[in-house]
Amino acid sequence: MRNFIGDVVDNVAPSAGISALRARRAGAGLVLLGMVLAIPATAATAATPAAVLEQALRCELPMGKAESVQQALKGLGAKPGASGVSNGYRLTAPVRPFGLAVQQVSVSADEVETYIATLPGARLEDVAKAANLKPVAGGYGRNTKHGTLLADVRERGDIWLMCTVTQ
């Protein structure tokens, strides 16, 4: 930072006077401050474990991000073994994709990447409305930029919100 401001100050002609020097120094500081403020806000938001998991459950992550989602689960303190779901985890605190409280998730990248939110006690129609899903055979769904998002009723009457990543 000192070098950047110093370089700006050094490039002011000596005859320009102290006002020009102060204006150049202030301008350089404001440009630098603007750059510093703009970058961390987006980087910090995208990097939080909860944000990564919510993006996966909303089907907003491209193919190849399952490892990042696994790391996010570790960062959230998720415990393996959520009942009824292979590769399942139970979260210590809920994440809220589409405003839905989710504490049971599954992440798989075996043959195809899938992210599943298990919503015990939820109503299928409420999940579909929150996720902006349309009726399809057997439940509700829609295509996203990176895959297909589906909601349906599974074993024990639990609602699954499942993302299958295709690109």
N, C-alpha and C. Protein backbone atom coordinates (compact mmCIF):
# COMPACT_ATOMS: atom_id res chain seq x y z
N MET A 1 0.84 -1.18 0.00
CA MET A 1 0.00 0.00 0.00
C MET A 1 0.88 1.24 0.00
N ARG A 2 1.92 1.29 0.82
CA ARG A 2 2.81 2.44 0.90
C ARG A 2 3.46 2.68 -0.45
N ASN A 3 3.91 1.62 -1.12
CA ASN A 3 4.55 1.78 -2.42
C ASN A 3 3.59 2.35 -3.45
N PHE A 4 2.33 1.89 -3.44
CA PHE A 4 1.35 2.37 -4.40
C PHE A 4 1.10 3.86 -4.20
N ILE A 5 0.85 4.28 -2.96
CA ILE A 5 0.61 5.70 -2.68
C ILE A 5 1.86 6.51 -2.91
N GLY A 6 3.01 5.95 -2.50
CA GLY A 6 4.29 6.64 -2.71
C GLY A 6 4.56 6.86 -4.19
N ASP A 7 4.27 5.86 -5.04
CA ASP A 7 4.47 6.01 -6.48
C ASP A 7 3.58 7.10 -7.04
N VAL A 8 2.35 7.18 -6.57
CA VAL A 8 1.43 8.23 -7.03
C VAL A 8 1.97 9.59 -6.64
N VAL A 9 2.45 9.70 -5.40
CA VAL A 9 2.98 10.97 -4.91
C VAL A 9 4.23 11.35 -5.68
N ASP A 10 5.10 10.38 -5.96
CA ASP A 10 6.34 10.67 -6.68
C ASP A 10 6.08 11.14 -8.11
N ASN A 11 4.94 10.77 -8.68
CA ASN A 11 4.63 11.15 -10.05
C ASN A 11 4.00 12.54 -10.18
N VAL A 12 3.84 13.25 -9.08
CA VAL A 12 3.30 14.61 -9.12
C VAL A 12 4.48 15.56 -9.34
N ALA A 13 4.37 16.42 -10.32
CA ALA A 13 5.44 17.38 -10.62
C ALA A 13 5.66 18.32 -9.44
N PRO A 14 6.91 18.62 -9.09
CA PRO A 14 7.19 19.51 -7.96
C PRO A 14 6.51 20.86 -8.08
N SER A 15 6.32 21.36 -9.29
CA SER A 15 5.70 22.67 -9.48
C SER A 15 4.19 22.63 -9.29
N ALA A 16 3.60 21.44 -9.15
CA ALA A 16 2.15 21.32 -9.06
C ALA A 16 1.63 21.85 -7.74
N GLY A 17 2.45 21.90 -6.74
CA GLY A 17 2.02 22.46 -5.46
C GLY A 17 1.47 21.41 -4.52
N ILE A 18 1.32 21.81 -3.28
CA ILE A 18 0.88 20.90 -2.22
C ILE A 18 -0.56 20.44 -2.42
N SER A 19 -1.44 21.28 -3.00
CA SER A 19 -2.84 20.89 -3.23
C SER A 19 -2.92 19.72 -4.18
N ALA A 20 -2.15 19.77 -5.24
CA ALA A 20 -2.16 18.67 -6.22
C ALA A 20 -1.63 17.40 -5.58
N LEU A 21 -0.60 17.55 -4.77
CA LEU A 21 -0.01 16.41 -4.09
C LEU A 21 -1.04 15.76 -3.16
N ARG A 22 -1.75 16.56 -2.37
CA ARG A 22 -2.78 16.02 -1.47
C ARG A 22 -3.92 15.37 -2.25
N ALA A 23 -4.33 15.99 -3.34
CA ALA A 23 -5.42 15.43 -4.15
C ALA A 23 -5.02 14.08 -4.74
N ARG A 24 -3.79 13.99 -5.26
CA ARG A 24 -3.33 12.72 -5.84
C ARG A 24 -3.23 11.64 -4.76
N ARG A 25 -2.71 12.01 -3.59
CA ARG A 25 -2.56 11.05 -2.50
C ARG A 25 -3.94 10.59 -2.02
N ALA A 26 -4.89 11.50 -1.87
CA ALA A 26 -6.24 11.14 -1.43
C ALA A 26 -6.92 10.26 -2.46
N GLY A 27 -6.76 10.59 -3.74
CA GLY A 27 -7.36 9.78 -4.79
C GLY A 27 -6.81 8.37 -4.81
N ALA A 28 -5.50 8.24 -4.63
CA ALA A 28 -4.89 6.91 -4.61
C ALA A 28 -5.41 6.12 -3.42
N GLY A 29 -5.55 6.78 -2.28
CA GLY A 29 -6.06 6.09 -1.09
C GLY A 29 -7.50 5.63 -1.28
N LEU A 30 -8.32 6.47 -1.91
CA LEU A 30 -9.72 6.09 -2.14
C LEU A 30 -9.84 4.93 -3.12
N VAL A 31 -9.01 4.94 -4.17
CA VAL A 31 -9.03 3.84 -5.13
C VAL A 31 -8.64 2.55 -4.42
N LEU A 32 -7.57 2.62 -3.63
CA LEU A 32 -7.11 1.44 -2.90
C LEU A 32 -8.16 0.98 -1.90
N LEU A 33 -8.77 1.88 -1.17
CA LEU A 33 -9.81 1.53 -0.21
C LEU A 33 -10.99 0.88 -0.92
N GLY A 34 -11.39 1.41 -2.06
CA GLY A 34 -12.49 0.82 -2.82
C GLY A 34 -12.18 -0.59 -3.27
N MET A 35 -10.94 -0.83 -3.68
CA MET A 35 -10.55 -2.17 -4.10
C MET A 35 -10.58 -3.13 -2.91
N VAL A 36 -10.10 -2.71 -1.77
CA VAL A 36 -10.07 -3.56 -0.58
C VAL A 36 -11.48 -3.87 -0.10
N LEU A 37 -12.37 -2.90 -0.12
CA LEU A 37 -13.74 -3.13 0.35
C LEU A 37 -14.54 -4.00 -0.60
N ALA A 38 -14.30 -3.93 -1.89
CA ALA A 38 -15.09 -4.68 -2.86
C ALA A 38 -14.75 -6.16 -2.88
N ILE A 39 -13.52 -6.51 -2.71
CA ILE A 39 -13.11 -7.91 -2.86
C ILE A 39 -13.54 -8.79 -1.69
N PRO A 40 -13.23 -8.46 -0.44
CA PRO A 40 -13.55 -9.39 0.64
C PRO A 40 -15.03 -9.67 0.82
N ALA A 41 -15.89 -8.75 0.51
CA ALA A 41 -17.32 -8.96 0.74
C ALA A 41 -17.84 -10.16 -0.05
N THR A 42 -17.48 -10.27 -1.31
CA THR A 42 -17.96 -11.39 -2.10
C THR A 42 -17.19 -12.65 -1.79
N ALA A 43 -15.90 -12.56 -1.58
CA ALA A 43 -15.09 -13.74 -1.30
C ALA A 43 -15.49 -14.37 0.03
N ALA A 44 -15.71 -13.56 1.05
CA ALA A 44 -16.06 -14.10 2.36
C ALA A 44 -17.43 -14.77 2.34
N THR A 45 -18.37 -14.18 1.64
CA THR A 45 -19.71 -14.75 1.57
C THR A 45 -19.68 -16.10 0.88
N ALA A 46 -18.99 -16.22 -0.23
CA ALA A 46 -18.96 -17.47 -0.98
C ALA A 46 -18.17 -18.55 -0.26
N ALA A 47 -17.24 -18.17 0.60
CA ALA A 47 -16.35 -19.14 1.21
C ALA A 47 -16.89 -19.75 2.50
N THR A 48 -17.96 -19.24 3.06
CA THR A 48 -18.43 -19.81 4.32
C THR A 48 -18.98 -21.21 4.08
N PRO A 49 -18.74 -22.13 5.02
CA PRO A 49 -19.24 -23.50 4.85
C PRO A 49 -20.76 -23.55 4.65
N ALA A 50 -21.50 -22.76 5.39
CA ALA A 50 -22.97 -22.77 5.24
C ALA A 50 -23.37 -22.32 3.84
N ALA A 51 -22.70 -21.30 3.31
CA ALA A 51 -23.03 -20.80 1.97
C ALA A 51 -22.74 -21.85 0.90
N VAL A 52 -21.61 -22.56 1.04
CA VAL A 52 -21.27 -23.60 0.07
C VAL A 52 -22.32 -24.71 0.10
N LEU A 53 -22.70 -25.16 1.30
CA LEU A 53 -23.69 -26.22 1.41
C LEU A 53 -25.05 -25.77 0.87
N GLU A 54 -25.45 -24.54 1.17
CA GLU A 54 -26.72 -24.04 0.66
C GLU A 54 -26.71 -23.94 -0.86
N GLN A 55 -25.59 -23.53 -1.44
CA GLN A 55 -25.48 -23.48 -2.91
C GLN A 55 -25.64 -24.88 -3.50
N ALA A 56 -25.02 -25.87 -2.86
CA ALA A 56 -25.14 -27.25 -3.35
C ALA A 56 -26.59 -27.72 -3.28
N LEU A 57 -27.26 -27.45 -2.18
CA LEU A 57 -28.64 -27.90 -2.01
C LEU A 57 -29.62 -27.14 -2.91
N ARG A 58 -29.24 -25.94 -3.36
CA ARG A 58 -30.06 -25.18 -4.32
C ARG A 58 -29.70 -25.53 -5.76
N CYS A 59 -28.72 -26.43 -5.93
CA CYS A 59 -28.26 -26.87 -7.26
C CYS A 59 -27.60 -25.73 -8.02
N GLU A 60 -26.78 -24.96 -7.32
CA GLU A 60 -26.11 -23.81 -7.91
C GLU A 60 -24.61 -24.03 -8.11
N LEU A 61 -24.10 -25.21 -7.73
CA LEU A 61 -22.67 -25.49 -7.90
C LEU A 61 -22.45 -26.33 -9.15
N PRO A 62 -21.38 -26.02 -9.91
CA PRO A 62 -21.09 -26.82 -11.10
C PRO A 62 -20.50 -28.19 -10.72
N MET A 63 -20.41 -29.05 -11.69
CA MET A 63 -19.83 -30.37 -11.51
C MET A 63 -18.40 -30.24 -10.98
N GLY A 64 -18.02 -31.17 -10.12
CA GLY A 64 -16.66 -31.18 -9.60
C GLY A 64 -16.51 -30.48 -8.25
N LYS A 65 -17.58 -30.10 -7.61
CA LYS A 65 -17.51 -29.37 -6.33
C LYS A 65 -17.85 -30.23 -5.11
N ALA A 66 -18.05 -31.53 -5.29
CA ALA A 66 -18.46 -32.39 -4.17
C ALA A 66 -17.42 -32.37 -3.05
N GLU A 67 -16.15 -32.32 -3.39
CA GLU A 67 -15.12 -32.27 -2.35
C GLU A 67 -15.22 -30.98 -1.53
N SER A 68 -15.52 -29.87 -2.19
CA SER A 68 -15.71 -28.60 -1.48
C SER A 68 -16.91 -28.69 -0.53
N VAL A 69 -17.95 -29.38 -0.96
CA VAL A 69 -19.14 -29.54 -0.12
C VAL A 69 -18.80 -30.43 1.07
N GLN A 70 -18.01 -31.49 0.84
CA GLN A 70 -17.57 -32.34 1.95
C GLN A 70 -16.77 -31.53 2.96
N GLN A 71 -15.90 -30.67 2.49
CA GLN A 71 -15.12 -29.81 3.39
C GLN A 71 -16.03 -28.84 4.14
N ALA A 72 -17.05 -28.34 3.47
CA ALA A 72 -18.02 -27.45 4.13
C ALA A 72 -18.73 -28.19 5.27
N LEU A 73 -19.09 -29.45 5.03
CA LEU A 73 -19.74 -30.25 6.08
C LEU A 73 -18.83 -30.39 7.29
N LYS A 74 -17.54 -30.65 7.04
CA LYS A 74 -16.58 -30.73 8.15
C LYS A 74 -16.50 -29.39 8.88
N GLY A 75 -16.47 -28.31 8.12
CA GLY A 75 -16.41 -26.98 8.72
C GLY A 75 -17.63 -26.65 9.56
N LEU A 76 -18.75 -27.26 9.24
CA LEU A 76 -19.99 -27.05 10.00
C LEU A 76 -20.12 -28.01 11.18
N GLY A 77 -19.16 -28.92 11.32
CA GLY A 77 -19.23 -29.89 12.41
C GLY A 77 -20.26 -30.98 12.20
N ALA A 78 -20.59 -31.29 10.94
CA ALA A 78 -21.59 -32.31 10.63
C ALA A 78 -21.11 -33.68 11.08
N LYS A 79 -22.03 -34.47 11.60
CA LYS A 79 -21.73 -35.83 12.06
C LYS A 79 -22.23 -36.83 11.02
N PRO A 80 -21.37 -37.78 10.61
CA PRO A 80 -21.79 -38.79 9.64
C PRO A 80 -22.89 -39.67 10.22
N GLY A 81 -23.70 -40.22 9.29
CA GLY A 81 -24.67 -41.22 9.69
C GLY A 81 -26.08 -40.76 9.90
N ALA A 82 -26.54 -39.75 9.18
CA ALA A 82 -27.96 -39.37 9.27
C ALA A 82 -28.78 -40.58 8.85
N SER A 83 -29.75 -40.93 9.64
CA SER A 83 -30.51 -42.16 9.40
C SER A 83 -31.30 -42.09 8.10
N GLY A 84 -31.33 -43.23 7.40
CA GLY A 84 -32.16 -43.36 6.20
C GLY A 84 -31.53 -42.85 4.92
N VAL A 85 -30.31 -42.31 4.98
CA VAL A 85 -29.68 -41.75 3.79
C VAL A 85 -28.23 -42.23 3.73
N SER A 86 -27.84 -42.82 2.59
CA SER A 86 -26.43 -43.20 2.45
C SER A 86 -25.60 -41.93 2.30
N ASN A 87 -24.37 -41.97 2.77
CA ASN A 87 -23.48 -40.80 2.76
C ASN A 87 -24.12 -39.62 3.47
N GLY A 88 -24.93 -39.92 4.50
CA GLY A 88 -25.69 -38.89 5.18
C GLY A 88 -24.93 -38.25 6.33
N TYR A 89 -25.32 -37.02 6.63
CA TYR A 89 -24.73 -36.24 7.72
C TYR A 89 -25.84 -35.53 8.47
N ARG A 90 -25.62 -35.36 9.76
CA ARG A 90 -26.52 -34.56 10.58
C ARG A 90 -25.76 -33.30 10.99
N LEU A 91 -26.36 -32.16 10.71
CA LEU A 91 -25.75 -30.86 11.04
C LEU A 91 -26.07 -30.49 12.48
N THR A 92 -25.13 -29.82 13.13
CA THR A 92 -25.36 -29.37 14.50
C THR A 92 -26.30 -28.17 14.53
N ALA A 93 -26.30 -27.39 13.46
CA ALA A 93 -27.22 -26.24 13.32
C ALA A 93 -27.74 -26.26 11.88
N PRO A 94 -28.99 -25.90 11.67
CA PRO A 94 -29.54 -25.98 10.31
C PRO A 94 -28.94 -24.95 9.35
N VAL A 95 -28.89 -25.34 8.08
CA VAL A 95 -28.65 -24.39 6.99
C VAL A 95 -30.02 -24.12 6.39
N ARG A 96 -30.15 -23.07 5.58
CA ARG A 96 -31.48 -22.66 5.12
C ARG A 96 -31.55 -22.38 3.62
N PRO A 97 -31.36 -23.42 2.80
CA PRO A 97 -31.59 -23.19 1.37
C PRO A 97 -33.07 -22.94 1.13
N PHE A 98 -33.37 -21.93 0.38
CA PHE A 98 -34.76 -21.54 0.08
C PHE A 98 -35.55 -21.23 1.35
N GLY A 99 -34.87 -20.93 2.46
CA GLY A 99 -35.55 -20.64 3.72
C GLY A 99 -36.02 -21.87 4.47
N LEU A 100 -35.67 -23.06 3.98
CA LEU A 100 -36.07 -24.31 4.62
C LEU A 100 -34.99 -24.74 5.62
N ALA A 101 -35.39 -25.08 6.84
CA ALA A 101 -34.42 -25.52 7.85
C ALA A 101 -34.00 -26.95 7.56
N VAL A 102 -32.72 -27.12 7.23
CA VAL A 102 -32.17 -28.44 6.86
C VAL A 102 -31.09 -28.84 7.85
N GLN A 103 -31.26 -30.03 8.45
CA GLN A 103 -30.23 -30.55 9.36
C GLN A 103 -29.72 -31.92 8.93
N GLN A 104 -30.36 -32.55 7.95
CA GLN A 104 -29.91 -33.84 7.43
C GLN A 104 -29.61 -33.70 5.95
N VAL A 105 -28.38 -34.05 5.58
CA VAL A 105 -27.97 -33.94 4.18
C VAL A 105 -27.19 -35.18 3.76
N SER A 106 -27.12 -35.37 2.46
CA SER A 106 -26.33 -36.44 1.87
C SER A 106 -25.56 -35.85 0.70
N VAL A 107 -24.30 -36.27 0.58
CA VAL A 107 -23.46 -35.82 -0.53
C VAL A 107 -22.85 -37.05 -1.17
N SER A 108 -22.99 -37.18 -2.47
CA SER A 108 -22.42 -38.31 -3.17
C SER A 108 -21.82 -37.85 -4.49
N ALA A 109 -20.66 -38.43 -4.81
CA ALA A 109 -20.03 -38.14 -6.10
C ALA A 109 -19.57 -39.44 -6.74
N ASP A 110 -20.27 -40.54 -6.43
CA ASP A 110 -19.87 -41.85 -6.94
C ASP A 110 -19.93 -41.90 -8.46
N GLU A 111 -21.10 -41.97 -9.02
CA GLU A 111 -21.26 -41.98 -10.47
C GLU A 111 -21.70 -40.61 -10.97
N VAL A 112 -22.52 -39.96 -10.17
CA VAL A 112 -23.01 -38.62 -10.49
C VAL A 112 -23.07 -37.84 -9.17
N GLU A 113 -22.83 -36.55 -9.24
CA GLU A 113 -22.88 -35.75 -8.01
C GLU A 113 -24.33 -35.48 -7.62
N THR A 114 -24.64 -35.81 -6.37
CA THR A 114 -25.98 -35.52 -5.85
C THR A 114 -25.84 -34.91 -4.47
N TYR A 115 -26.72 -33.98 -4.19
CA TYR A 115 -26.83 -33.34 -2.88
C TYR A 115 -28.29 -33.46 -2.45
N ILE A 116 -28.51 -34.05 -1.29
CA ILE A 116 -29.88 -34.29 -0.84
C ILE A 116 -30.10 -33.66 0.52
N ALA A 117 -31.18 -32.92 0.65
CA ALA A 117 -31.65 -32.41 1.94
C ALA A 117 -32.84 -33.27 2.33
N THR A 118 -32.78 -33.87 3.51
CA THR A 118 -33.90 -34.64 4.03
C THR A 118 -34.67 -33.74 4.98
N LEU A 119 -35.97 -33.62 4.74
CA LEU A 119 -36.80 -32.69 5.51
C LEU A 119 -37.93 -33.44 6.21
N PRO A 120 -37.64 -34.11 7.33
CA PRO A 120 -38.70 -34.84 8.04
C PRO A 120 -39.74 -33.86 8.56
N GLY A 121 -41.00 -34.24 8.41
CA GLY A 121 -42.09 -33.40 8.92
C GLY A 121 -42.51 -32.27 8.00
N ALA A 122 -41.78 -32.06 6.91
CA ALA A 122 -42.16 -30.99 5.97
C ALA A 122 -43.27 -31.48 5.05
N ARG A 123 -44.00 -30.53 4.48
CA ARG A 123 -45.02 -30.85 3.47
C ARG A 123 -44.40 -30.66 2.10
N LEU A 124 -44.63 -31.62 1.21
CA LEU A 124 -44.06 -31.58 -0.13
C LEU A 124 -44.42 -30.29 -0.86
N GLU A 125 -45.68 -29.87 -0.75
CA GLU A 125 -46.12 -28.65 -1.43
C GLU A 125 -45.39 -27.41 -0.92
N ASP A 126 -45.10 -27.37 0.38
CA ASP A 126 -44.38 -26.23 0.96
C ASP A 126 -42.94 -26.17 0.46
N VAL A 127 -42.29 -27.34 0.37
CA VAL A 127 -40.92 -27.40 -0.14
C VAL A 127 -40.91 -26.98 -1.61
N ALA A 128 -41.86 -27.49 -2.39
CA ALA A 128 -41.93 -27.14 -3.82
C ALA A 128 -42.12 -25.63 -4.01
N LYS A 129 -42.97 -25.04 -3.21
CA LYS A 129 -43.22 -23.60 -3.31
C LYS A 129 -41.96 -22.81 -2.95
N ALA A 130 -41.31 -23.19 -1.86
CA ALA A 130 -40.10 -22.48 -1.42
C ALA A 130 -38.99 -22.55 -2.47
N ALA A 131 -38.85 -23.70 -3.13
CA ALA A 131 -37.79 -23.91 -4.11
C ALA A 131 -38.22 -23.57 -5.54
N ASN A 132 -39.45 -23.06 -5.70
CA ASN A 132 -39.97 -22.67 -7.01
C ASN A 132 -39.98 -23.86 -7.98
N LEU A 133 -40.47 -24.99 -7.50
CA LEU A 133 -40.54 -26.21 -8.31
C LEU A 133 -41.92 -26.35 -8.93
N LYS A 134 -41.96 -27.02 -10.07
CA LYS A 134 -43.21 -27.27 -10.80
C LYS A 134 -43.56 -28.75 -10.71
N PRO A 135 -44.84 -29.10 -10.82
CA PRO A 135 -45.22 -30.52 -10.77
C PRO A 135 -44.57 -31.32 -11.90
N VAL A 136 -44.02 -32.49 -11.52
CA VAL A 136 -43.47 -33.46 -12.47
C VAL A 136 -43.93 -34.84 -11.99
N ALA A 137 -43.71 -35.87 -12.78
CA ALA A 137 -44.12 -37.22 -12.39
C ALA A 137 -43.46 -37.59 -11.06
N GLY A 138 -44.28 -37.92 -10.07
CA GLY A 138 -43.78 -38.37 -8.78
C GLY A 138 -43.40 -37.28 -7.79
N GLY A 139 -43.54 -36.03 -8.14
CA GLY A 139 -43.17 -34.95 -7.21
C GLY A 139 -43.14 -33.60 -7.90
N TYR A 140 -42.09 -32.85 -7.60
CA TYR A 140 -41.92 -31.51 -8.16
C TYR A 140 -40.47 -31.37 -8.61
N GLY A 141 -40.22 -30.52 -9.60
CA GLY A 141 -38.85 -30.34 -10.06
C GLY A 141 -38.67 -29.15 -10.97
N ARG A 142 -37.42 -28.89 -11.28
CA ARG A 142 -37.06 -27.88 -12.27
C ARG A 142 -35.59 -28.06 -12.64
N ASN A 143 -35.25 -27.61 -13.82
CA ASN A 143 -33.86 -27.60 -14.25
C ASN A 143 -33.20 -26.32 -13.73
N THR A 144 -31.92 -26.43 -13.40
CA THR A 144 -31.12 -25.28 -12.99
C THR A 144 -29.96 -25.16 -13.97
N LYS A 145 -29.14 -24.16 -13.78
CA LYS A 145 -27.98 -23.95 -14.64
C LYS A 145 -27.03 -25.16 -14.60
N HIS A 146 -26.95 -25.83 -13.44
CA HIS A 146 -25.98 -26.91 -13.27
C HIS A 146 -26.59 -28.29 -13.11
N GLY A 147 -27.91 -28.42 -13.13
CA GLY A 147 -28.49 -29.74 -12.97
C GLY A 147 -30.00 -29.72 -12.84
N THR A 148 -30.50 -30.72 -12.09
CA THR A 148 -31.94 -30.86 -11.88
C THR A 148 -32.22 -30.88 -10.39
N LEU A 149 -33.21 -30.13 -9.98
CA LEU A 149 -33.63 -30.06 -8.59
C LEU A 149 -35.01 -30.70 -8.48
N LEU A 150 -35.13 -31.73 -7.62
CA LEU A 150 -36.37 -32.45 -7.46
C LEU A 150 -36.77 -32.54 -5.99
N ALA A 151 -38.06 -32.57 -5.73
CA ALA A 151 -38.58 -32.81 -4.39
C ALA A 151 -39.62 -33.90 -4.49
N ASP A 152 -39.53 -34.88 -3.57
CA ASP A 152 -40.52 -35.94 -3.54
C ASP A 152 -40.58 -36.55 -2.14
N VAL A 153 -41.54 -37.48 -1.98
CA VAL A 153 -41.73 -38.15 -0.69
C VAL A 153 -40.98 -39.47 -0.74
N ARG A 154 -40.18 -39.74 0.30
CA ARG A 154 -39.39 -40.96 0.36
C ARG A 154 -39.81 -41.82 1.55
N GLU A 155 -38.93 -42.77 1.91
CA GLU A 155 -39.20 -43.67 3.02
C GLU A 155 -39.63 -42.90 4.26
N ARG A 156 -40.49 -43.51 5.03
CA ARG A 156 -41.00 -42.96 6.29
C ARG A 156 -41.71 -41.61 6.10
N GLY A 157 -42.04 -41.27 4.86
CA GLY A 157 -42.76 -40.02 4.61
C GLY A 157 -41.89 -38.78 4.60
N ASP A 158 -40.57 -38.95 4.69
CA ASP A 158 -39.67 -37.79 4.64
C ASP A 158 -39.69 -37.16 3.25
N ILE A 159 -39.53 -35.85 3.22
CA ILE A 159 -39.42 -35.12 1.96
C ILE A 159 -37.94 -35.00 1.63
N TRP A 160 -37.59 -35.31 0.40
CA TRP A 160 -36.23 -35.13 -0.09
C TRP A 160 -36.22 -33.99 -1.09
N LEU A 161 -35.27 -33.11 -0.94
CA LEU A 161 -34.97 -32.09 -1.93
C LEU A 161 -33.61 -32.48 -2.49
N MET A 162 -33.57 -32.91 -3.75
CA MET A 162 -32.36 -33.51 -4.33
C MET A 162 -31.88 -32.76 -5.56
N CYS A 163 -30.60 -32.43 -5.54
CA CYS A 163 -29.94 -31.85 -6.70
C CYS A 163 -29.09 -32.93 -7.37
N THR A 164 -29.28 -33.10 -8.66
CA THR A 164 -28.42 -33.97 -9.45
C THR A 164 -27.66 -33.06 -10.40
N VAL A 165 -26.34 -33.01 -10.23
CA VAL A 165 -25.50 -32.11 -11.04
C VAL A 165 -25.23 -32.76 -12.38
N THR A 166 -25.45 -32.01 -13.45
CA THR A 166 -25.21 -32.53 -14.80
C THR A 166 -24.16 -31.73 -15.57
N GLN A 167 -23.82 -30.55 -15.08
CA GLN A 167 -22.80 -29.75 -15.76
C GLN A 167 -22.12 -28.78 -14.83
